[in-house]
Amino acid sequence: MPFFFSLKSTVLWFSVCLVACGQQTGIKPKSQISNSKEVPKEIIVAANRTSAYLPLLKGKKVGVVANHTSVIFNEKGYVHLVDSLLTLGITVEKVFAPEHGFRGQADAGEAVKDGKDATTGLPITSLYGKNKKPSRQQLQGLDIMVFDIQDVGVRFYTYIATLQLVMQACAEANIPMLVLDRPNPNGHYVDGPTMEKAHTGFLGLNSIPLVYGMTIGEYAQMVNEEGWLENNVKAELTVIPLEHYTHNTAYVLPIRPSPNLPNAAAISLYPSLGLFEGTTINAGRGTEFQFQRYGASFLDSTAYDFSYVPQPNFGAKHPKEKGKTCFGEDLSSHPKMSAVSLEWLINAYHNCKDKSKFFNTSGFTKHAGTARLQQQIEAGVSEAGIKATWQEELAQFQKIRRKYLIYQ
């Protein structure tokens, strides 16, 4: 069972996450290898491998890039990495918070403010507010930076952009960087359009496919070694690997990685339904089935037998189509994805009453990484025809990717 609960209040959700999760049995990350007769060994995340990285931190002033997923699992549930480091006598000087904040409470796209952690008293520097890259002043006094965030393997999920900008800053300041690796729940395939250089930004800094099939540690190595940091700098990078993980190991996240990815179904569908973020269509925000449905009031109601009404809730203060009856599809029971699907995007476009208002062109291009996808859909190109245009770039990326894989 994926870790999932339905709550309206940000504060209540976070409180339950900290208290109830630690009491539940089965909170430790679950892994299974399909079609295997052997009982798989449980994945050990790098944060749990304290003996591998504590010697690198002792006696040093440490910065940590972390959020609510940065935890060490134990029999009672888990403890936050920062709390653990402090308990073990590591001098943590400062926490850097990505999109959604250190405690995972902010909406997508909502600015994260600097502040102080109520639990530890540590200063929190936002990397999703005035600046997305740590300044030289913000890094002053640090001897090493630790990065530990659960990713989902989708290019426009902003944690990999934060990773790269932190690597850039640390390289420029000559501060070593330590990445604690975590599984990629979408790490079993590579697919989707490749980001074009003309459209790079925080939703995609490099020319990689929409789904890139790498853990965050593998991706860090690729960024460093392929010369993707500006001005030819290179980070002093150490990756602590996972144990008992392969790219074909199914992994159910025990903690939702962000407010609008509540369960395994949403994470699996996110690469496909996330493309709706660049349109006027609602993709489940404002419901308890985020990225497991799509719809809009202006889609042809006769084409669908499913409807819902988005309302403000935890993670979506202002959802698209708020308070309106949206006609669309429920995909919450859809099998696990192993490819990006354009079926739902094309279907919604065909059933949109006013197609001129379907795309938010700038936003869609940033998510897709290319202006060509919108043009192809508007021109009526089939899904198979569109996907055929991806193949050469996907093959080129696969060659690069293979050089940096730590796991089978």
Foldseek 3Di string as FASTA:
>chain_A
DFQFDDAFDLVVVLVCCVPVQLQDAPLQKDWDFPPDPDGFDGKAFLLQVCVVPVVVQPPFEEEEEAAQLQWHQDRSGTDHSVVVCVVVPGHYAAYEYEPCGRHQQDFGLDADDWDADPVPRHTYHYLRHPHVADDLVNCPRGQAYEYEAFDQQFQQPQPLLSVQSPQLRCLVNVHAYEYTWDDHQLLQAAAAAFADCVQADSRHNDGGGRGHNAISLLVLVLCQPVQVHPPSTHHNYDYRHMPSDASSMHIWNSCQRHFQRRTSLQSQQCSALVLQVQWLKFQQAQHSQHNQWIWELQFDQVVAPDWDAHDRGRNPNDTRRHRHITGTDGRSPPDGDNYHDCVRVLVRCVRGPDNVRTGNQSSSCNSNSHSVVVVCSVVPPDPVRVRVVRPVVSVVSVVSSVVRHPHD
